[in-house]
C-alpha cells in the first residue's frame, strides 16, 4: 500500500498547479476506486442473502433450511469441502453455483461455510488449503457425473 501512497503523492504534487479545479474530483475518483476494490469478495452472509436465501429459508426442493441443525447434520458430517464442491457443481436439486454463474468459488464457499456455522458446524471461511480441497473434490465429482452418463 505504501508504494501507492507515494505514487499518489507524487502525482498530486506534480500536477497540483494545473489541477486546482479538478483535484477534488481526482481525489474522489481515487478514493472511490480504492473503496470498490477493497470491497472485493463478498462475505458468506452477503452471498447467502443475495443468492441462497430464497431456497434455504423455505426448504425448496428439500434444501436444508438455514440454521436447521437436524437437516444440516448429515451434510456437516460429509465435510465442508465435499458439501461445497457438490453444491458448486450442482446436486440434490440445487443448480450449479446456486444458479449464479457470476459467483466466484471463494464467495460460494463462504456462503456454504456461513450456513454450516448457522447449523452448528465449525466451518471457517475458506483459506487457500480449503479451496484446494474443494477444487479437488469438484474435479472428482465432475468425473463421477461423467461416468454416470
C-alpha atoms as a PDB file:
ATOM      1  CA  UNK A   1       0.000   0.000   0.000  1.00  0.00           C
ATOM      2  CA  UNK A   2       2.858   2.394   0.692  1.00  0.00           C
ATOM      3  CA  UNK A   3       4.088   2.498  -2.911  1.00  0.00           C
ATOM      4  CA  UNK A   4       0.536   3.502  -3.869  1.00  0.00           C
ATOM      5  CA  UNK A   5       0.572   6.383  -1.380  1.00  0.00           C
ATOM      6  CA  UNK A   6       3.982   7.576  -2.594  1.00  0.00           C
ATOM      7  CA  UNK A   7       2.830   7.394  -6.200  1.00  0.00           C
ATOM      8  CA  UNK A   8      -0.385   9.245  -5.361  1.00  0.00           C
ATOM      9  CA  UNK A   9       1.566  11.966  -3.533  1.00  0.00           C
ATOM     10  CA  UNK A  10       3.924  12.355  -6.497  1.00  0.00           C
ATOM     11  CA  UNK A  11       1.035  12.692  -8.951  1.00  0.00           C
ATOM     12  CA  UNK A  12      -0.765  15.245  -6.808  1.00  0.00           C
ATOM     13  CA  UNK A  13       2.357  17.348  -6.179  1.00  0.00           C
ATOM     14  CA  UNK A  14       3.461  17.324  -9.807  1.00  0.00           C
ATOM     15  CA  UNK A  15       0.039  18.200 -11.214  1.00  0.00           C
ATOM     16  CA  UNK A  16      -1.210  20.457  -8.414  1.00  0.00           C
ATOM     17  CA  UNK A  17      -0.681  23.736 -10.297  1.00  0.00           C
ATOM     18  CA  UNK A  18      -2.892  22.540 -13.182  1.00  0.00           C
ATOM     19  CA  UNK A  19      -5.428  20.677 -11.080  1.00  0.00           C
ATOM     20  CA  UNK A  20      -6.918  23.434  -8.939  1.00  0.00           C
ATOM     21  CA  UNK A  21     -10.456  22.699 -10.095  1.00  0.00           C
ATOM     22  CA  UNK A  22     -10.007  19.027 -10.955  1.00  0.00           C
ATOM     23  CA  UNK A  23      -8.190  17.976  -7.772  1.00  0.00           C
ATOM     24  CA  UNK A  24     -11.309  17.263  -5.681  1.00  0.00           C
ATOM     25  CA  UNK A  25     -12.789  15.136  -8.460  1.00  0.00           C
ATOM     26  CA  UNK A  26      -9.471  13.320  -8.925  1.00  0.00           C
ATOM     27  CA  UNK A  27      -9.148  12.565  -5.209  1.00  0.00           C
ATOM     28  CA  UNK A  28     -12.777  11.452  -5.037  1.00  0.00           C
ATOM     29  CA  UNK A  29     -12.238   9.116  -8.005  1.00  0.00           C
ATOM     30  CA  UNK A  30      -9.145   7.563  -6.461  1.00  0.00           C
ATOM     31  CA  UNK A  31     -10.899   7.098  -3.115  1.00  0.00           C
ATOM     32  CA  UNK A  32     -13.962   5.532  -4.734  1.00  0.00           C
ATOM     33  CA  UNK A  33     -11.946   3.104  -6.836  1.00  0.00           C
ATOM     34  CA  UNK A  34      -9.919   2.110  -3.771  1.00  0.00           C
ATOM     35  CA  UNK A  35     -13.103   1.556  -1.770  1.00  0.00           C
ATOM     36  CA  UNK A  36     -14.646  -0.538  -4.532  1.00  0.00           C
ATOM     37  CA  UNK A  37     -11.566  -2.747  -4.846  1.00  0.00           C
ATOM     38  CA  UNK A  38     -11.352  -3.027  -1.047  1.00  0.00           C
ATOM     39  CA  UNK A  39     -14.877  -4.490  -1.009  1.00  0.00           C
ATOM     40  CA  UNK A  40     -13.634  -7.292  -3.224  1.00  0.00           C
ATOM     41  CA  UNK A  41     -15.054 -10.669  -2.386  1.00  0.00           C
ATOM     42  CA  UNK A  42     -18.486 -10.840  -0.770  1.00  0.00           C
ATOM     43  CA  UNK A  43     -18.929 -12.277   2.695  1.00  0.00           C
ATOM     44  CA  UNK A  44     -20.781 -15.521   3.246  1.00  0.00           C
ATOM     45  CA  UNK A  45     -23.686 -13.615   4.747  1.00  0.00           C
ATOM     46  CA  UNK A  46     -23.877 -11.292   1.723  1.00  0.00           C
ATOM     47  CA  UNK A  47     -23.917 -14.203  -0.711  1.00  0.00           C
ATOM     48  CA  UNK A  48     -26.455 -16.083   1.421  1.00  0.00           C
ATOM     49  CA  UNK A  49     -28.755 -13.058   1.493  1.00  0.00           C
ATOM     50  CA  UNK A  50     -28.426 -12.355  -2.230  1.00  0.00           C
ATOM     51  CA  UNK A  51     -28.349 -15.889  -3.622  1.00  0.00           C
ATOM     52  CA  UNK A  52     -29.084 -18.696  -1.164  1.00  0.00           C
ATOM     53  CA  UNK A  53     -31.835 -17.189   0.967  1.00  0.00           C
ATOM     54  CA  UNK A  54     -34.754 -17.914  -1.382  1.00  0.00           C
ATOM     55  CA  UNK A  55     -34.289 -21.682  -1.244  1.00  0.00           C
ATOM     56  CA  UNK A  56     -32.609 -22.205   2.115  1.00  0.00           C
ATOM     57  CA  UNK A  57     -35.112 -20.210   4.158  1.00  0.00           C
ATOM     58  CA  UNK A  58     -38.100 -22.122   2.769  1.00  0.00           C
ATOM     59  CA  UNK A  59     -36.576 -25.537   2.035  1.00  0.00           C
ATOM     60  CA  UNK A  60     -37.379 -25.522  -1.694  1.00  0.00           C
ATOM     61  CA  UNK A  61     -36.665 -28.962  -3.216  1.00  0.00           C
ATOM     62  CA  UNK A  62     -35.548 -30.215   0.212  1.00  0.00           C
ATOM     63  CA  UNK A  63     -32.808 -27.604   0.549  1.00  0.00           C
ATOM     64  CA  UNK A  64     -31.616 -27.731   4.160  1.00  0.00           C
ATOM     65  CA  UNK A  65     -33.102 -24.728   5.924  1.00  0.00           C
ATOM     66  CA  UNK A  66     -30.790 -22.108   7.349  1.00  0.00           C
ATOM     67  CA  UNK A  67     -29.966 -22.941  10.961  1.00  0.00           C
ATOM     68  CA  UNK A  68     -31.787 -26.313  10.918  1.00  0.00           C
ATOM     69  CA  UNK A  69     -29.328 -28.498  12.808  1.00  0.00           C
ATOM     70  CA  UNK A  70     -31.141 -31.748  12.040  1.00  0.00           C
ATOM     71  CA  UNK A  71     -31.254 -31.082   8.296  1.00  0.00           C
ATOM     72  CA  UNK A  72     -27.627 -29.962   8.181  1.00  0.00           C
ATOM     73  CA  UNK A  73     -26.242 -32.736  10.417  1.00  0.00           C
ATOM     74  CA  UNK A  74     -25.591 -35.277   7.638  1.00  0.00           C
ATOM     75  CA  UNK A  75     -24.054 -32.556   5.472  1.00  0.00           C
ATOM     76  CA  UNK A  76     -21.796 -31.375   8.279  1.00  0.00           C
ATOM     77  CA  UNK A  77     -20.588 -34.979   8.641  1.00  0.00           C
ATOM     78  CA  UNK A  78     -19.737 -35.107   4.897  1.00  0.00           C
ATOM     79  CA  UNK A  79     -17.334 -32.246   5.393  1.00  0.00           C
ATOM     80  CA  UNK A  80     -17.052 -28.651   4.269  1.00  0.00           C
ATOM     81  CA  UNK A  81     -15.031 -29.386   1.137  1.00  0.00           C
ATOM     82  CA  UNK A  82     -17.434 -32.107  -0.039  1.00  0.00           C
ATOM     83  CA  UNK A  83     -20.645 -30.147   0.533  1.00  0.00           C
ATOM     84  CA  UNK A  84     -19.164 -27.021  -1.049  1.00  0.00           C
ATOM     85  CA  UNK A  85     -17.826 -28.847  -4.116  1.00  0.00           C
ATOM     86  CA  UNK A  86     -21.046 -30.767  -4.690  1.00  0.00           C
ATOM     87  CA  UNK A  87     -23.128 -27.612  -4.364  1.00  0.00           C
ATOM     88  CA  UNK A  88     -20.737 -25.802  -6.697  1.00  0.00           C
ATOM     89  CA  UNK A  89     -21.287 -28.363  -9.468  1.00  0.00           C
ATOM     90  CA  UNK A  90     -24.972 -28.838  -8.599  1.00  0.00           C
ATOM     91  CA  UNK A  91     -26.524 -31.635  -6.604  1.00  0.00           C
ATOM     92  CA  UNK A  92     -29.753 -32.751  -4.936  1.00  0.00           C
ATOM     93  CA  UNK A  93     -31.906 -30.335  -6.935  1.00  0.00           C
ATOM     94  CA  UNK A  94     -29.557 -27.421  -6.414  1.00  0.00           C
ATOM     95  CA  UNK A  95     -28.367 -25.682  -9.567  1.00  0.00           C
ATOM     96  CA  UNK A  96     -24.623 -25.331 -10.073  1.00  0.00           C
ATOM     97  CA  UNK A  97     -23.197 -22.278  -8.289  1.00  0.00           C
ATOM     98  CA  UNK A  98     -26.600 -21.702  -6.725  1.00  0.00           C
ATOM     99  CA  UNK A  99     -27.803 -20.562 -10.126  1.00  0.00           C
ATOM    100  CA  UNK A 100     -25.408 -17.605 -10.172  1.00  0.00           C
ATOM    101  CA  UNK A 101     -22.653 -18.067 -12.745  1.00  0.00           C
ATOM    102  CA  UNK A 102     -21.029 -14.787 -11.662  1.00  0.00           C
ATOM    103  CA  UNK A 103     -20.098 -16.086  -8.196  1.00  0.00           C
ATOM    104  CA  UNK A 104     -16.506 -16.994  -7.505  1.00  0.00           C
ATOM    105  CA  UNK A 105     -15.752 -20.301  -5.834  1.00  0.00           C
ATOM    106  CA  UNK A 106     -14.476 -18.428  -2.785  1.00  0.00           C
ATOM    107  CA  UNK A 107     -17.704 -16.435  -2.443  1.00  0.00           C
ATOM    108  CA  UNK A 108     -19.797 -19.581  -2.852  1.00  0.00           C
ATOM    109  CA  UNK A 109     -17.626 -21.396  -0.300  1.00  0.00           C
ATOM    110  CA  UNK A 110     -18.031 -18.534   2.161  1.00  0.00           C
ATOM    111  CA  UNK A 111     -21.812 -18.794   1.869  1.00  0.00           C
ATOM    112  CA  UNK A 112     -21.715 -22.549   2.460  1.00  0.00           C
ATOM    113  CA  UNK A 113     -19.466 -22.023   5.499  1.00  0.00           C
ATOM    114  CA  UNK A 114     -21.844 -19.348   6.804  1.00  0.00           C
ATOM    115  CA  UNK A 115     -24.803 -21.744   6.519  1.00  0.00           C
ATOM    116  CA  UNK A 116     -22.792 -24.577   8.065  1.00  0.00           C
ATOM    117  CA  UNK A 117     -21.893 -22.401  11.060  1.00  0.00           C
ATOM    118  CA  UNK A 118     -25.546 -21.399  11.491  1.00  0.00           C
ATOM    119  CA  UNK A 119     -26.383 -25.098  11.785  1.00  0.00           C
ATOM    120  CA  UNK A 120     -23.754 -25.709  14.460  1.00  0.00           C
ATOM    121  CA  UNK A 121     -20.780 -26.637  12.317  1.00  0.00           C
ATOM    122  CA  UNK A 122     -17.302 -25.320  12.957  1.00  0.00           C
ATOM    123  CA  UNK A 123     -16.797 -24.307   9.337  1.00  0.00           C
ATOM    124  CA  UNK A 124     -14.457 -21.431   8.640  1.00  0.00           C
ATOM    125  CA  UNK A 125     -14.327 -19.161   5.630  1.00  0.00           C
ATOM    126  CA  UNK A 126     -12.123 -20.994   3.145  1.00  0.00           C
ATOM    127  CA  UNK A 127      -8.400 -20.412   3.097  1.00  0.00           C
ATOM    128  CA  UNK A 128      -6.125 -21.483   0.243  1.00  0.00           C
ATOM    129  CA  UNK A 129      -5.809 -25.044   1.545  1.00  0.00           C
ATOM    130  CA  UNK A 130      -9.588 -25.448   1.839  1.00  0.00           C
ATOM    131  CA  UNK A 131     -10.138 -24.002  -1.637  1.00  0.00           C
ATOM    132  CA  UNK A 132      -7.629 -26.537  -2.996  1.00  0.00           C
ATOM    133  CA  UNK A 133      -9.545 -29.372  -1.265  1.00  0.00           C
ATOM    134  CA  UNK A 134     -12.813 -28.049  -2.699  1.00  0.00           C
ATOM    135  CA  UNK A 135     -11.367 -27.887  -6.221  1.00  0.00           C
ATOM    136  CA  UNK A 136     -10.020 -31.443  -5.914  1.00  0.00           C
ATOM    137  CA  UNK A 137     -13.416 -32.699  -4.741  1.00  0.00           C
ATOM    138  CA  UNK A 138     -15.099 -30.696  -7.520  1.00  0.00           C
ATOM    139  CA  UNK A 139     -12.966 -32.445 -10.150  1.00  0.00           C
ATOM    140  CA  UNK A 140     -13.689 -35.855  -8.631  1.00  0.00           C
ATOM    141  CA  UNK A 141     -17.428 -35.105  -8.565  1.00  0.00           C
ATOM    142  CA  UNK A 142     -17.407 -33.979 -12.203  1.00  0.00           C
ATOM    143  CA  UNK A 143     -15.684 -37.230 -13.187  1.00  0.00           C
ATOM    144  CA  UNK A 144     -18.299 -39.230 -11.221  1.00  0.00           C
ATOM    145  CA  UNK A 145     -21.110 -37.413 -13.006  1.00  0.00           C
ATOM    146  CA  UNK A 146     -19.499 -38.007 -16.414  1.00  0.00           C
ATOM    147  CA  UNK A 147     -19.140 -41.718 -15.654  1.00  0.00           C
ATOM    148  CA  UNK A 148     -22.861 -41.969 -14.853  1.00  0.00           C
ATOM    149  CA  UNK A 149     -23.877 -40.640 -18.295  1.00  0.00           C
END
